[in-house]
C-alpha atoms as a PDB file:
ATOM      1  CA  MET A   1      -0.325  -0.104   0.368  1.00  0.00           C
ATOM      2  CA  GLN A   2       1.418   3.239  -0.914  1.00  0.00           C
ATOM      3  CA  PHE A   3       0.868   6.155   2.013  1.00  0.00           C
ATOM      4  CA  SER A   4       0.619   9.982   0.755  1.00  0.00           C
ATOM      5  CA  GLN A   5       1.973  12.377   2.721  1.00  0.00           C
ATOM      6  CA  ASP A   6      -1.434  13.045   5.094  1.00  0.00           C
ATOM      7  CA  ASP A   7      -1.301   9.453   5.585  1.00  0.00           C
ATOM      8  CA  PHE A   8       2.471   8.887   7.463  1.00  0.00           C
ATOM      9  CA  GLU A   9       1.785  11.991   9.239  1.00  0.00           C
ATOM     10  CA  ARG A  10      -1.376  10.628  10.266  1.00  0.00           C
ATOM     11  CA  LEU A  11       0.420   7.449  11.215  1.00  0.00           C
ATOM     12  CA  VAL A  12       3.274   9.002  12.547  1.00  0.00           C
ATOM     13  CA  LEU A  13       0.485  10.949  14.890  1.00  0.00           C
ATOM     14  CA  PHE A  14      -1.358   7.816  15.924  1.00  0.00           C
ATOM     15  CA  GLU A  15       1.369   5.617  16.913  1.00  0.00           C
ATOM     16  CA  HIS A  16       2.893   8.414  18.881  1.00  0.00           C
ATOM     17  CA  THR A  17      -0.442   8.726  20.848  1.00  0.00           C
ATOM     18  CA  ARG A  18      -0.608   4.884  20.732  1.00  0.00           C
ATOM     19  CA  LYS A  19       3.050   4.458  22.052  1.00  0.00           C
ATOM     20  CA  SER A  20       1.982   8.164  24.902  1.00  0.00           C
ATOM     21  CA  ALA A  21      -0.880   5.633  25.788  1.00  0.00           C
ATOM     22  CA  GLU A  22       0.683   2.662  26.409  1.00  0.00           C
ATOM     23  CA  ALA A  23       3.023   4.429  28.818  1.00  0.00           C
ATOM     24  CA  THR A  24       0.425   6.105  30.982  1.00  0.00           C
ATOM     25  CA  TYR A  25      -1.123   2.973  31.191  1.00  0.00           C
ATOM     26  CA  ALA A  26       1.726   1.756  33.054  1.00  0.00           C
ATOM     27  CA  LYS A  27       1.532   4.446  35.443  1.00  0.00           C
ATOM     28  CA  ASP A  28      -2.351   4.733  35.895  1.00  0.00           C
ATOM     29  CA  PRO A  29      -4.253   1.569  34.072  1.00  0.00           C
ATOM     30  CA  LEU A  30      -7.583   2.656  35.952  1.00  0.00           C
ATOM     31  CA  ASP A  31      -7.935   6.119  33.334  1.00  0.00           C
ATOM     32  CA  ALA A  32      -9.917   5.492  31.443  1.00  0.00           C
ATOM     33  CA  ASP A  33      -9.752   8.387  28.737  1.00  0.00           C
ATOM     34  CA  ASN A  34      -6.619   7.697  28.137  1.00  0.00           C
ATOM     35  CA  LEU A  35      -7.912   3.809  27.721  1.00  0.00           C
ATOM     36  CA  THR A  36     -10.179   5.498  25.306  1.00  0.00           C
ATOM     37  CA  LYS A  37      -7.391   7.424  23.348  1.00  0.00           C
ATOM     38  CA  TRP A  38      -5.541   4.072  22.581  1.00  0.00           C
ATOM     39  CA  GLY A  39      -8.337   2.126  21.491  1.00  0.00           C
ATOM     40  CA  GLY A  40      -8.770   5.588  19.156  1.00  0.00           C
ATOM     41  CA  ALA A  41      -5.486   5.317  17.736  1.00  0.00           C
ATOM     42  CA  LEU A  42      -5.601   1.373  17.380  1.00  0.00           C
ATOM     43  CA  LEU A  43      -8.883   1.886  15.311  1.00  0.00           C
ATOM     44  CA  GLU A  44      -7.065   4.773  13.232  1.00  0.00           C
ATOM     45  CA  LEU A  45      -3.866   2.514  13.505  1.00  0.00           C
ATOM     46  CA  SER A  46      -5.609  -0.560  11.423  1.00  0.00           C
ATOM     47  CA  GLN A  47      -6.786   0.981   8.501  1.00  0.00           C
ATOM     48  CA  PHE A  48      -2.594   0.378   7.206  1.00  0.00           C
ATOM     49  CA  GLN A  49      -2.334  -2.821   8.119  1.00  0.00           C
ATOM     50  CA  SER A  50      -3.489  -6.268   5.711  1.00  0.00           C
ATOM     51  CA  VAL A  51      -6.792  -7.326   7.006  1.00  0.00           C
ATOM     52  CA  ALA A  52      -5.794  -9.714   8.850  1.00  0.00           C
ATOM     53  CA  GLU A  53      -3.329  -7.391  10.783  1.00  0.00           C
ATOM     54  CA  SER A  54      -6.509  -4.914  10.923  1.00  0.00           C
ATOM     55  CA  LYS A  55      -8.596  -7.109  12.353  1.00  0.00           C
ATOM     56  CA  THR A  56      -6.424  -8.251  15.321  1.00  0.00           C
ATOM     57  CA  MET A  57      -5.548  -4.369  16.104  1.00  0.00           C
ATOM     58  CA  ILE A  58      -9.698  -3.828  15.897  1.00  0.00           C
ATOM     59  CA  ASN A  59      -9.673  -6.298  18.717  1.00  0.00           C
ATOM     60  CA  ASP A  60      -7.142  -5.160  20.428  1.00  0.00           C
ATOM     61  CA  ALA A  61      -9.049  -0.991  19.784  1.00  0.00           C
ATOM     62  CA  ILE A  62     -12.392  -3.133  21.329  1.00  0.00           C
ATOM     63  CA  SER A  63     -10.558  -5.141  24.449  1.00  0.00           C
ATOM     64  CA  LYS A  64      -9.114  -1.340  25.179  1.00  0.00           C
ATOM     65  CA  LEU A  65     -12.322   0.409  24.979  1.00  0.00           C
ATOM     66  CA  GLU A  66     -13.615  -2.366  26.993  1.00  0.00           C
ATOM     67  CA  GLU A  67     -11.968  -1.626  29.692  1.00  0.00           C
ATOM     68  CA  ALA A  68     -11.814   2.007  29.591  1.00  0.00           C
ATOM     69  CA  LEU A  69     -16.434   1.668  30.051  1.00  0.00           C
ATOM     70  CA  LEU A  70     -15.031  -1.478  32.645  1.00  0.00           C
ATOM     71  CA  ILE A  71     -14.050   2.007  34.921  1.00  0.00           C
ATOM     72  CA  ASN A  72     -16.080   4.052  33.304  1.00  0.00           C
ATOM     73  CA  PRO A  73     -19.881   2.628  31.547  1.00  0.00           C
ATOM     74  CA  LEU A  74     -21.185   5.926  31.329  1.00  0.00           C
ATOM     75  CA  LYS A  75     -18.005   7.330  28.430  1.00  0.00           C
ATOM     76  CA  HIS A  76     -19.568   8.364  25.899  1.00  0.00           C
ATOM     77  CA  ASP A  77     -16.871   8.532  23.960  1.00  0.00           C
ATOM     78  CA  ALA A  78     -15.762   5.067  24.503  1.00  0.00           C
ATOM     79  CA  LEU A  79     -18.707   3.988  23.815  1.00  0.00           C
ATOM     80  CA  TRP A  80     -18.852   6.288  20.024  1.00  0.00           C
ATOM     81  CA  CYS A  81     -15.381   3.970  19.176  1.00  0.00           C
ATOM     82  CA  LEU A  82     -16.639   0.815  20.547  1.00  0.00           C
ATOM     83  CA  GLY A  83     -18.928   1.269  18.289  1.00  0.00           C
ATOM     84  CA  ASN A  84     -16.664   2.682  15.033  1.00  0.00           C
ATOM     85  CA  ALA A  85     -14.048  -0.540  15.852  1.00  0.00           C
ATOM     86  CA  HIS A  86     -17.333  -2.926  15.399  1.00  0.00           C
ATOM     87  CA  THR A  87     -17.979  -1.746  12.536  1.00  0.00           C
ATOM     88  CA  SER A  88     -15.277  -1.597  11.411  1.00  0.00           C
ATOM     89  CA  TYR A  89     -14.478  -5.397  12.270  1.00  0.00           C
ATOM     90  CA  ALA A  90     -18.088  -6.352  10.441  1.00  0.00           C
ATOM     91  CA  PHE A  91     -16.727  -4.806   6.917  1.00  0.00           C
ATOM     92  CA  LEU A  92     -13.513  -6.879   7.673  1.00  0.00           C
ATOM     93  CA  THR A  93     -16.038  -9.823   7.974  1.00  0.00           C
ATOM     94  CA  PRO A  94     -17.424 -11.041   4.493  1.00  0.00           C
ATOM     95  CA  ASP A  95     -18.993 -13.861   5.728  1.00  0.00           C
ATOM     96  CA  PHE A  96     -22.486 -11.508   6.339  1.00  0.00           C
ATOM     97  CA  ASP A  97     -23.526 -14.060   9.677  1.00  0.00           C
ATOM     98  CA  GLU A  98     -20.124 -13.952  10.768  1.00  0.00           C
ATOM     99  CA  ALA A  99     -20.570  -9.906  10.317  1.00  0.00           C
ATOM    100  CA  LYS A 100     -23.980  -9.296  11.467  1.00  0.00           C
ATOM    101  CA  PRO A 101     -23.513  -9.239  15.350  1.00  0.00           C
ATOM    102  CA  TYR A 102     -20.879  -6.735  15.058  1.00  0.00           C
ATOM    103  CA  PHE A 103     -23.063  -4.553  13.162  1.00  0.00           C
ATOM    104  CA  ASP A 104     -25.876  -5.234  16.046  1.00  0.00           C
ATOM    105  CA  LYS A 105     -22.956  -4.245  18.605  1.00  0.00           C
ATOM    106  CA  ALA A 106     -22.589  -1.396  16.690  1.00  0.00           C
ATOM    107  CA  SER A 107     -25.633   0.053  16.730  1.00  0.00           C
ATOM    108  CA  GLU A 108     -26.201  -0.317  20.880  1.00  0.00           C
ATOM    109  CA  CYS A 109     -22.687   1.248  21.311  1.00  0.00           C
ATOM    110  CA  PHE A 110     -23.983   4.264  19.104  1.00  0.00           C
ATOM    111  CA  GLN A 111     -27.262   3.994  20.922  1.00  0.00           C
ATOM    112  CA  LYS A 112     -25.865   4.286  24.316  1.00  0.00           C
ATOM    113  CA  ALA A 113     -23.672   6.600  23.250  1.00  0.00           C
ATOM    114  CA  VAL A 114     -26.660   8.544  22.082  1.00  0.00           C
ATOM    115  CA  ASP A 115     -28.330   8.300  25.232  1.00  0.00           C
ATOM    116  CA  GLU A 116     -25.373   9.846  27.832  1.00  0.00           C
ATOM    117  CA  ASP A 117     -25.554  12.839  24.539  1.00  0.00           C
ATOM    118  CA  PRO A 118     -27.762  12.990  22.764  1.00  0.00           C
ATOM    119  CA  SER A 119     -27.335  16.654  21.063  1.00  0.00           C
ATOM    120  CA  ASN A 120     -23.975  15.407  19.667  1.00  0.00           C
ATOM    121  CA  GLU A 121     -24.329  15.154  15.990  1.00  0.00           C
ATOM    122  CA  LEU A 122     -21.653  12.668  15.349  1.00  0.00           C
ATOM    123  CA  TYR A 123     -23.034  10.385  17.896  1.00  0.00           C
ATOM    124  CA  LEU A 124     -26.893  10.799  15.934  1.00  0.00           C
ATOM    125  CA  LYS A 125     -25.284  10.499  12.563  1.00  0.00           C
ATOM    126  CA  SER A 126     -22.852   7.447  12.997  1.00  0.00           C
ATOM    127  CA  LEU A 127     -26.367   5.881  14.756  1.00  0.00           C
ATOM    128  CA  GLU A 128     -28.767   6.500  11.261  1.00  0.00           C
ATOM    129  CA  VAL A 129     -25.588   5.353   9.137  1.00  0.00           C
ATOM    130  CA  THR A 130     -25.278   1.658  10.941  1.00  0.00           C
ATOM    131  CA  VAL A 131     -28.874   0.855  10.336  1.00  0.00           C
ATOM    132  CA  LYS A 132     -27.423   1.193   6.311  1.00  0.00           C
ATOM    133  CA  ALA A 133     -24.148  -0.755   7.415  1.00  0.00           C
ATOM    134  CA  PRO A 134     -25.442  -4.112   7.376  1.00  0.00           C
ATOM    135  CA  GLU A 135     -27.155  -4.083   3.144  1.00  0.00           C
ATOM    136  CA  LEU A 136     -23.979  -1.727   2.422  1.00  0.00           C
ATOM    137  CA  HIS A 137     -21.946  -4.509   3.462  1.00  0.00           C
ATOM    138  CA  MET A 138     -23.930  -7.570   1.189  1.00  0.00           C
ATOM    139  CA  GLU A 139     -23.706  -5.019  -1.801  1.00  0.00           C
ATOM    140  CA  ILE A 140     -20.019  -5.241  -1.310  1.00  0.00           C
ATOM    141  CA  HIS A 141     -19.113  -8.157  -0.811  1.00  0.00           C
ATOM    142  CA  LYS A 142     -21.877  -9.859  -2.787  1.00  0.00           C
ATOM    143  CA  SER A 143     -20.218  -7.411  -5.601  1.00  0.00           C
ATOM    144  CA  GLY A 144     -16.954  -8.933  -4.603  1.00  0.00           C
ATOM    145  CA  LEU A 145     -15.709  -5.052  -4.120  1.00  0.00           C
ATOM    146  CA  GLY A 146     -15.151  -6.905  -0.743  1.00  0.00           C
ATOM    147  CA  GLN A 147     -13.045 -10.154  -1.691  1.00  0.00           C
ATOM    148  CA  GLN A 148     -10.225  -7.388  -3.585  1.00  0.00           C
ATOM    149  CA  THR A 149     -10.607  -5.400  -0.016  1.00  0.00           C
ATOM    150  CA  THR A 150     -10.291  -8.491   2.547  1.00  0.00           C
ATOM    151  CA  GLY A 151      -8.405 -10.905   0.151  1.00  0.00           C
ATOM    152  CA  ALA A 152     -10.699 -13.426   0.232  1.00  0.00           C
ATOM    153  CA  GLY A 153     -11.322 -16.071  -2.557  1.00  0.00           C
ATOM    154  CA  PRO A 154      -9.815 -17.833  -5.394  1.00  0.00           C
ATOM    155  CA  GLU A 155      -7.999 -16.161  -7.901  1.00  0.00           C
ATOM    156  CA  THR A 156     -10.033 -16.652 -10.663  1.00  0.00           C
ATOM    157  CA  SER A 157     -10.431 -14.321 -14.195  1.00  0.00           C
ATOM    158  CA  PHE A 158     -12.919 -12.600 -13.154  1.00  0.00           C
ATOM    159  CA  SER A 159     -11.108 -11.473 -10.322  1.00  0.00           C
ATOM    160  CA  ARG A 160      -8.043 -10.937 -12.074  1.00  0.00           C
ATOM    161  CA  ALA A 161      -9.883  -8.573 -14.742  1.00  0.00           C
ATOM    162  CA  LYS A 162     -10.877  -7.278 -11.468  1.00  0.00           C
ATOM    163  CA  SER A 163      -7.679  -6.155 -10.362  1.00  0.00           C
ATOM    164  CA  SER A 164      -6.845  -3.236 -12.789  1.00  0.00           C
ATOM    165  CA  ASN A 165      -9.792  -2.018 -10.271  1.00  0.00           C
ATOM    166  CA  SER A 166      -7.778  -2.423  -7.016  1.00  0.00           C
ATOM    167  CA  LYS A 167      -7.243   1.242  -6.759  1.00  0.00           C
ATOM    168  CA  LYS A 168     -11.451   1.895  -6.797  1.00  0.00           C
ATOM    169  CA  SER A 169     -11.646  -0.955  -4.345  1.00  0.00           C
ATOM    170  CA  SER A 170      -8.766   0.835  -2.023  1.00  0.00           C
ATOM    171  CA  ASP A 171     -10.765   3.786  -2.486  1.00  0.00           C
ATOM    172  CA  LEU A 172     -13.766   1.680  -1.477  1.00  0.00           C
ATOM    173  CA  LYS A 173     -11.830   1.057   1.293  1.00  0.00           C
ATOM    174  CA  TYR A 174     -11.383   4.298   2.421  1.00  0.00           C
ATOM    175  CA  ASP A 175     -14.491   5.463   1.665  1.00  0.00           C
ATOM    176  CA  ILE A 176     -16.303   3.289   3.835  1.00  0.00           C
ATOM    177  CA  PHE A 177     -14.139   3.521   6.814  1.00  0.00           C
ATOM    178  CA  GLY A 178     -14.029   7.538   5.810  1.00  0.00           C
ATOM    179  CA  TRP A 179     -16.417   9.348   8.528  1.00  0.00           C
ATOM    180  CA  VAL A 180     -15.200   6.075  11.229  1.00  0.00           C
ATOM    181  CA  ILE A 181     -11.088   7.634   9.995  1.00  0.00           C
ATOM    182  CA  LEU A 182     -12.021  11.162  10.436  1.00  0.00           C
ATOM    183  CA  ALA A 183     -15.119  11.012  13.430  1.00  0.00           C
ATOM    184  CA  VAL A 184     -11.828   8.982  15.661  1.00  0.00           C
ATOM    185  CA  GLY A 185      -8.804  10.969  14.537  1.00  0.00           C
ATOM    186  CA  ILE A 186     -11.086  14.423  15.821  1.00  0.00           C
ATOM    187  CA  ILE A 187     -11.649  12.715  19.699  1.00  0.00           C
ATOM    188  CA  ALA A 188      -7.968  11.680  19.392  1.00  0.00           C
ATOM    189  CA  TRP A 189      -6.681  14.887  18.131  1.00  0.00           C
ATOM    190  CA  ILE A 190      -8.930  17.080  20.507  1.00  0.00           C
ATOM    191  CA  GLY A 191      -8.074  14.448  23.801  1.00  0.00           C
ATOM    192  CA  MET A 192      -4.518  15.261  23.042  1.00  0.00           C
ATOM    193  CA  ALA A 193      -4.968  18.647  22.187  1.00  0.00           C
ATOM    194  CA  LYS A 194      -6.843  18.856  25.737  1.00  0.00           C
ATOM    195  CA  SER A 195      -3.604  17.152  28.036  1.00  0.00           C
ATOM    196  CA  ASN A 196      -0.614  18.757  26.308  1.00  0.00           C
ATOM    197  CA  MET A 197      -2.339  22.104  27.215  1.00  0.00           C
ATOM    198  CA  PRO A 198      -0.215  24.743  28.425  1.00  0.00           C
ATOM    199  CA  PRO A 199      -1.017  26.380  31.900  1.00  0.00           C
ATOM    200  CA  PRO A 200      -3.187  29.160  32.615  1.00  0.00           C
ATOM    201  CA  LEU A 201      -1.166  32.567  32.226  1.00  0.00           C
ATOM    202  CA  PRO A 202      -0.983  34.410  35.812  1.00  0.00           C
ATOM    203  CA  ARG A 203      -3.304  37.231  36.215  1.00  0.00           C
END
């Protein structure tokens, strides 16, 4: 996979966030904000991996976010991030019966996030979009685009003919996860900005 300069900068930023969160966790394992940041960074980094590595990283993100929610069950940003992780995992799972429980969990997480912060437009939009996600999943994998995105399926003359469209399928993967990536990035960036704010000036 080739990275643009923006992709490379995002990769560096989220790798730094991950390492920083890991170091903070060693000092304070009960910091729900830090665990949420860590899960968000792992979710971002998963977009730069192969499908198998991506799924492993998403599972790691899910465990960090669930750990944050054990500490603070009403933490809406962790709930929302967990919904994104389940959605991402579902899209990387070609078999719809295997993917469906992840979509269901995502919907449940988004609903809880909305319940905790009803005026948050991002949460409301995520809940709205997750209703359409299973249908989109079926269309993607039925059309064979999912095979290119997930690397599933045998090499056939049909899939070889479509390999010229690999850039399109790569773009499709980014489109699917685009809103997830952007939103998680914004949350992580805000979290980092808050934790690195300079002290207020004396009056």
